[in-house]
Amino acid sequence: MTGDMTSVPLRAKDRWTSARMQQGRVLLDTDWNLDLDGPARDARQLAADAIGPAGVPIGSTAFQVSLVGGALQVGAGTMWVDGLLARNPADLSYADQPQISPLPTTGTWVVYLDVFPEEVQAAEDPAELLDPALDGIDTTTRTRVGWRVRVAAAETPTCGGATFPAALSTGLLDVVRNAAPVNPDPCAPPDDPRTQLPDGLLRIEVLDAGTEATARFGWSYANGSDAVAATVAGTAVTLAPSRSVTFQPGDLAEVSTLARREDRVDHGPLFTVATVTPQAGATSSRSVPRAR
């Protein structure tokens, strides 16, 4: 979840099912998202309880794998996995999945379906999420069910001996904020809003695991939602026009591919912005910056 939101609307321990709007009140993004996430969580739990860990319609060959001419083929159809519905509209070759690792040529391997929820930002799909009438300003993000057909090494020809990726950690991070510095202005109000953090999520991502001395993490305001499409050529990165996202020398930027969620990588390569220059011929309001 990387949208610019004020808070997480529904945590695992919460029992909320919906939000009720009251007359004359302000509608917050948290309330709206809770009204979506509450029923969605219940529907996923219902599907998992009724269907089990995985299932397909009776007689369906959905996601059935077979070798055709030496290539691994994946059947079309729908399959439920842990309460999520994966859709494959047409027969698919394993190798046609974007940026997928090639199949191993030796050893014993198990083929499995990895299903996961994902959130899509405007920078990832501008044709669908950016309305030309708004001149490049984004509105909402969207969610969908993503999936990948993967292979895992196995010591025996059964699924039980396969070395599947480790489950996501359930560890928690304790964060303590230092006291705000005292404002020397005697006319400043006691609760000066300039000393407060912005009303939004701070995103903290573990970059490298390890000890206290070797582990690294990165953090950002706005839940890491400041993202723009980019093309890379050597050490130059050309950014798509954006009215809301700017970069300054010294900023730490992550460069990722559109398949980063499917790849389940911790993070993309991190770079420090050296210089930012407008592209020749660009207007001041819609500049196309280049970062090195």
Protein backbone atom coordinates (compact mmCIF):
# COMPACT_ATOMS: atom_id res chain seq x y z
CA MET A 1 0.00 0.00 0.00
CA THR A 2 1.75 3.15 -1.22
CA GLY A 3 -1.08 5.65 -1.64
CA ASP A 4 -1.00 9.11 -0.05
CA MET A 5 -3.30 8.35 2.89
CA THR A 6 -3.64 9.77 6.38
CA SER A 7 -3.77 6.41 8.17
CA VAL A 8 -4.27 2.67 7.80
CA PRO A 9 -8.07 2.25 7.88
CA LEU A 10 -8.21 -1.38 8.98
CA ARG A 11 -5.59 -3.33 10.89
CA ALA A 12 -5.60 -7.06 11.57
CA LYS A 13 -6.88 -6.68 15.15
CA ASP A 14 -9.68 -4.26 14.24
CA ARG A 15 -13.29 -5.45 14.08
CA TRP A 16 -14.70 -2.54 12.09
CA THR A 17 -17.06 -3.50 9.28
CA SER A 18 -17.90 -0.08 7.85
CA ALA A 19 -17.97 3.67 8.48
CA ARG A 20 -21.18 5.66 8.88
CA MET A 21 -21.34 9.16 7.42
CA GLN A 22 -23.00 11.82 9.56
CA GLN A 23 -24.69 14.93 8.25
CA GLY A 24 -22.57 18.03 8.04
CA ARG A 25 -19.29 16.22 8.75
CA VAL A 26 -16.07 16.12 6.79
CA LEU A 27 -15.45 12.90 4.85
CA LEU A 28 -11.88 11.65 5.35
CA ASP A 29 -9.95 9.24 3.16
CA THR A 30 -9.68 6.87 6.14
CA ASP A 31 -13.46 6.61 6.44
CA TRP A 32 -13.89 6.03 2.71
CA ASN A 33 -11.19 3.36 2.65
CA LEU A 34 -12.61 1.65 5.72
CA ASP A 35 -15.96 1.36 3.91
CA LEU A 36 -14.11 -0.50 1.15
CA ASP A 37 -11.67 -2.55 3.19
CA GLY A 38 -14.16 -3.82 5.77
CA PRO A 39 -16.47 -5.69 3.35
CA ALA A 40 -13.47 -6.77 1.24
CA ARG A 41 -11.79 -8.39 4.26
CA ASP A 42 -15.00 -10.22 5.20
CA ALA A 43 -15.49 -11.43 1.62
CA ARG A 44 -11.92 -12.74 1.50
CA GLN A 45 -12.35 -14.55 4.81
CA LEU A 46 -15.65 -16.06 3.64
CA ALA A 47 -14.05 -17.35 0.44
CA ALA A 48 -11.11 -18.82 2.36
CA ASP A 49 -13.40 -20.53 4.89
CA ALA A 50 -15.75 -21.93 2.23
CA ILE A 51 -13.25 -22.92 -0.47
CA GLY A 52 -10.15 -23.63 1.59
CA PRO A 53 -6.55 -22.73 0.79
CA ALA A 54 -7.13 -23.06 -2.97
CA GLY A 55 -9.77 -24.18 -5.42
CA VAL A 56 -11.13 -23.97 -8.97
CA PRO A 57 -14.63 -24.58 -10.39
CA ILE A 58 -15.47 -28.27 -10.84
CA GLY A 59 -14.05 -29.52 -14.13
CA SER A 60 -11.97 -26.39 -14.69
CA THR A 61 -8.41 -26.50 -16.01
CA ALA A 62 -7.64 -23.01 -14.70
CA PHE A 63 -3.93 -22.53 -14.03
CA GLN A 64 -3.27 -26.16 -14.91
CA VAL A 65 0.33 -26.46 -16.10
CA SER A 66 1.47 -28.64 -18.97
CA LEU A 67 4.46 -29.00 -21.26
CA VAL A 68 3.73 -28.06 -24.86
CA GLY A 69 6.65 -28.34 -27.23
CA GLY A 70 9.09 -28.09 -24.33
CA ALA A 71 7.45 -24.90 -23.01
CA LEU A 72 5.48 -24.65 -19.78
CA GLN A 73 1.88 -23.60 -20.46
CA VAL A 74 -0.61 -22.23 -17.91
CA GLY A 75 -4.31 -22.82 -18.47
CA ALA A 76 -6.89 -20.04 -18.64
CA GLY A 77 -9.57 -19.58 -16.00
CA THR A 78 -10.08 -18.51 -12.40
CA MET A 79 -8.61 -19.91 -9.20
CA TRP A 80 -9.17 -19.01 -5.56
CA VAL A 81 -6.06 -18.83 -3.36
CA ASP A 82 -6.34 -17.83 0.30
CA GLY A 83 -9.60 -16.02 -0.42
CA LEU A 84 -8.23 -14.07 -3.41
CA LEU A 85 -9.55 -14.65 -6.93
CA ALA A 86 -6.83 -14.92 -9.58
CA ARG A 87 -7.94 -14.48 -13.19
CA ASN A 88 -6.05 -15.74 -16.23
CA PRO A 89 -8.03 -14.64 -19.31
CA ALA A 90 -6.15 -16.80 -21.83
CA ASP A 91 -3.69 -19.69 -21.97
CA LEU A 92 -0.28 -18.35 -21.10
CA SER A 93 3.29 -19.48 -21.58
CA TYR A 94 5.37 -19.32 -18.40
CA ALA A 95 8.09 -17.44 -20.29
CA ASP A 96 5.63 -14.71 -21.35
CA GLN A 97 5.29 -13.43 -17.79
CA PRO A 98 7.05 -10.06 -17.52
CA GLN A 99 10.63 -10.23 -16.25
CA ILE A 100 10.26 -13.81 -15.05
CA SER A 101 13.33 -15.93 -14.36
CA PRO A 102 13.92 -18.69 -16.92
CA LEU A 103 12.90 -22.21 -16.03
CA PRO A 104 15.67 -24.36 -14.54
CA THR A 105 17.04 -27.08 -16.79
CA THR A 106 18.14 -29.55 -14.11
CA GLY A 107 16.91 -30.80 -10.75
CA THR A 108 13.44 -31.31 -9.27
CA TRP A 109 11.16 -28.31 -9.09
CA VAL A 110 7.61 -27.59 -7.97
CA VAL A 111 5.43 -25.21 -10.00
CA TYR A 112 3.08 -23.10 -7.86
CA LEU A 113 0.80 -20.07 -8.11
CA ASP A 114 1.67 -17.01 -6.02
CA VAL A 115 -1.34 -14.72 -5.49
CA PHE A 116 -1.25 -11.35 -3.73
CA PRO A 117 -3.14 -8.04 -3.48
CA GLU A 118 -1.45 -5.05 -5.07
CA GLU A 119 -2.05 -1.32 -5.25
CA VAL A 120 -1.40 0.57 -8.49
CA GLN A 121 -0.38 4.23 -8.59
CA ALA A 122 -0.88 6.70 -11.42
CA ALA A 123 2.82 6.58 -12.31
CA GLU A 124 2.50 2.85 -13.01
CA ASP A 125 -0.57 3.09 -15.26
CA PRO A 126 -1.10 6.72 -16.33
CA ALA A 127 -3.44 5.80 -19.19
CA GLU A 128 -5.98 4.39 -16.73
CA LEU A 129 -5.42 6.53 -13.65
CA LEU A 130 -4.72 10.01 -15.03
CA ASP A 131 -7.62 11.99 -16.49
CA PRO A 132 -6.42 14.41 -19.23
CA ALA A 133 -8.98 16.96 -18.04
CA LEU A 134 -7.06 17.27 -14.76
CA ASP A 135 -3.80 18.06 -16.58
CA GLY A 136 -1.72 15.30 -15.03
CA ILE A 137 -2.97 15.49 -11.44
CA ASP A 138 -3.72 12.09 -9.95
CA THR A 139 -6.80 11.28 -7.88
CA THR A 140 -7.12 7.75 -6.47
CA THR A 141 -5.02 4.63 -6.53
CA ARG A 142 -6.51 1.26 -7.51
CA THR A 143 -6.22 -2.24 -6.14
CA ARG A 144 -6.28 -5.59 -7.89
CA VAL A 145 -5.25 -9.19 -7.40
CA GLY A 146 -1.83 -9.96 -8.83
CA TRP A 147 -0.39 -13.39 -9.51
CA ARG A 148 2.71 -15.14 -10.75
CA VAL A 149 3.40 -18.74 -11.70
CA ARG A 150 6.71 -19.62 -10.04
CA VAL A 151 8.98 -22.58 -9.49
CA ALA A 152 10.62 -23.72 -6.25
CA ALA A 153 13.38 -26.27 -5.77
CA ALA A 154 12.30 -29.57 -4.20
CA GLU A 155 14.35 -32.41 -2.72
CA THR A 156 11.58 -34.92 -3.43
CA PRO A 157 8.94 -35.05 -6.19
CA THR A 158 6.27 -33.72 -3.81
CA CYS A 159 5.14 -30.24 -2.84
CA GLY A 160 5.96 -30.89 0.81
CA GLY A 161 9.70 -30.78 0.25
CA ALA A 162 9.78 -27.58 -1.77
CA THR A 163 11.75 -24.56 -0.56
CA PHE A 164 9.13 -21.84 -0.91
CA PRO A 165 10.03 -18.19 -0.17
CA ALA A 166 9.91 -17.24 3.49
CA ALA A 167 6.66 -15.78 4.74
CA LEU A 168 6.44 -12.05 5.35
CA SER A 169 7.69 -11.00 8.75
CA THR A 170 5.18 -10.07 11.44
CA GLY A 171 7.75 -8.05 13.38
CA LEU A 172 6.88 -4.56 14.59
CA LEU A 173 8.99 -1.42 14.67
CA ASP A 174 9.03 0.91 17.66
CA VAL A 175 9.39 4.55 16.67
CA VAL A 176 9.89 7.37 19.17
CA ARG A 177 9.76 10.99 18.07
CA ASN A 178 12.07 13.48 19.72
CA ALA A 179 10.47 16.53 21.29
CA ALA A 180 9.99 19.42 18.89
CA PRO A 181 12.46 22.29 19.35
CA VAL A 182 11.18 25.26 21.30
CA ASN A 183 10.08 28.07 19.01
CA PRO A 184 12.05 31.21 19.97
CA ASP A 185 9.27 33.45 18.60
CA PRO A 186 7.45 34.83 21.69
CA CYS A 187 4.38 35.53 19.56
CA ALA A 188 4.04 31.94 18.33
CA PRO A 189 0.94 30.13 19.64
CA PRO A 190 1.54 27.32 22.18
CA ASP A 191 0.41 24.66 19.70
CA ASP A 192 2.13 26.10 16.64
CA PRO A 193 1.18 23.79 13.74
CA ARG A 194 4.57 24.43 12.18
CA THR A 195 6.10 22.19 14.85
CA GLN A 196 3.76 19.31 14.09
CA LEU A 197 4.27 16.41 11.71
CA PRO A 198 2.06 16.44 8.59
CA ASP A 199 -1.19 14.49 8.83
CA GLY A 200 -0.26 11.38 6.88
CA LEU A 201 1.51 8.06 6.93
CA LEU A 202 5.27 7.89 7.34
CA ARG A 203 6.49 4.91 5.34
CA ILE A 204 9.41 2.94 6.76
CA GLU A 205 10.89 0.09 4.72
CA VAL A 206 13.65 -2.28 5.76
CA LEU A 207 16.32 -2.13 3.06
CA ASP A 208 18.79 -4.65 4.43
CA ALA A 209 18.29 -7.04 7.33
CA GLY A 210 21.03 -7.65 9.86
CA THR A 211 22.30 -6.50 13.20
CA GLU A 212 21.83 -3.07 14.71
CA ALA A 213 25.11 -2.04 13.11
CA THR A 214 24.47 -3.42 9.60
CA ALA A 215 20.70 -3.23 9.03
CA ARG A 216 19.38 -0.31 6.99
CA PHE A 217 15.97 1.25 6.54
CA GLY A 218 14.52 4.09 4.50
CA TRP A 219 11.60 6.35 5.30
CA SER A 220 9.53 8.95 3.52
CA TYR A 221 6.57 11.23 4.01
CA ALA A 222 3.27 10.60 2.20
CA ASN A 223 3.69 6.82 2.56
CA GLY A 224 6.22 6.68 -0.26
CA SER A 225 3.58 7.77 -2.78
CA ASP A 226 5.78 10.34 -4.54
CA ALA A 227 6.41 8.37 -7.71
CA VAL A 228 6.84 9.26 -11.37
CA ALA A 229 7.38 7.22 -14.51
CA ALA A 230 10.98 7.25 -15.72
CA THR A 231 13.21 6.03 -18.51
CA VAL A 232 16.83 5.12 -17.79
CA ALA A 233 19.77 5.51 -20.16
CA GLY A 234 23.17 5.00 -18.58
CA THR A 235 23.40 7.28 -15.55
CA ALA A 236 20.65 9.64 -16.76
CA VAL A 237 17.06 9.17 -15.63
CA THR A 238 14.40 11.10 -17.56
CA LEU A 239 11.27 11.67 -15.51
CA ALA A 240 7.74 12.02 -16.86
CA PRO A 241 6.12 15.44 -16.29
CA SER A 242 4.58 15.77 -12.84
CA ARG A 243 2.99 18.72 -11.05
CA SER A 244 3.17 17.11 -7.63
CA VAL A 245 6.53 15.29 -7.50
CA THR A 246 9.87 17.08 -7.62
CA PHE A 247 13.42 15.95 -6.91
CA GLN A 248 16.30 17.89 -5.43
CA PRO A 249 20.04 17.15 -5.38
CA GLY A 250 20.82 14.90 -2.43
CA ASP A 251 17.44 13.15 -2.45
CA LEU A 252 17.49 9.38 -2.13
CA ALA A 253 15.47 7.82 -4.95
CA GLU A 254 14.46 4.23 -5.62
CA VAL A 255 14.35 3.02 -9.23
CA SER A 256 12.01 0.07 -9.70
CA THR A 257 10.39 -1.81 -12.55
CA LEU A 258 6.66 -2.19 -13.10
CA ALA A 259 7.03 -5.85 -12.08
CA ARG A 260 8.52 -5.09 -8.66
CA ARG A 261 5.52 -6.44 -6.77
CA GLU A 262 5.40 -9.62 -8.81
CA ASP A 263 9.13 -10.07 -8.27
CA ARG A 264 8.62 -9.76 -4.49
CA VAL A 265 11.94 -7.95 -4.14
CA ASP A 266 12.63 -5.93 -1.00
CA HIS A 267 13.35 -2.75 -2.93
CA GLY A 268 14.78 -1.48 -6.19
CA PRO A 269 18.26 0.04 -6.57
CA LEU A 270 18.75 3.20 -4.50
CA PHE A 271 20.48 6.26 -5.91
CA THR A 272 21.35 9.72 -4.65
CA VAL A 273 20.23 12.50 -6.99
CA ALA A 274 23.31 14.42 -8.12
CA THR A 275 21.80 17.10 -10.38
CA VAL A 276 18.37 17.99 -11.75
CA THR A 277 18.05 19.96 -14.99
CA PRO A 278 14.97 20.75 -17.11
CA GLN A 279 14.95 19.13 -20.52
CA ALA A 280 15.60 21.48 -23.43
CA GLY A 281 12.40 22.95 -24.84
CA ALA A 282 10.25 22.11 -21.81
CA THR A 283 7.99 24.77 -20.34
CA SER A 284 8.42 25.89 -16.77
CA SER A 285 5.04 24.51 -15.69
CA ARG A 286 5.47 21.10 -17.27
CA SER A 287 9.23 20.63 -17.09
CA VAL A 288 10.71 17.22 -17.83
CA PRO A 289 13.62 16.92 -15.39
CA ARG A 290 16.64 14.73 -15.84
CA ALA A 291 18.38 13.38 -12.76
CA ARG A 292 21.91 12.00 -12.59
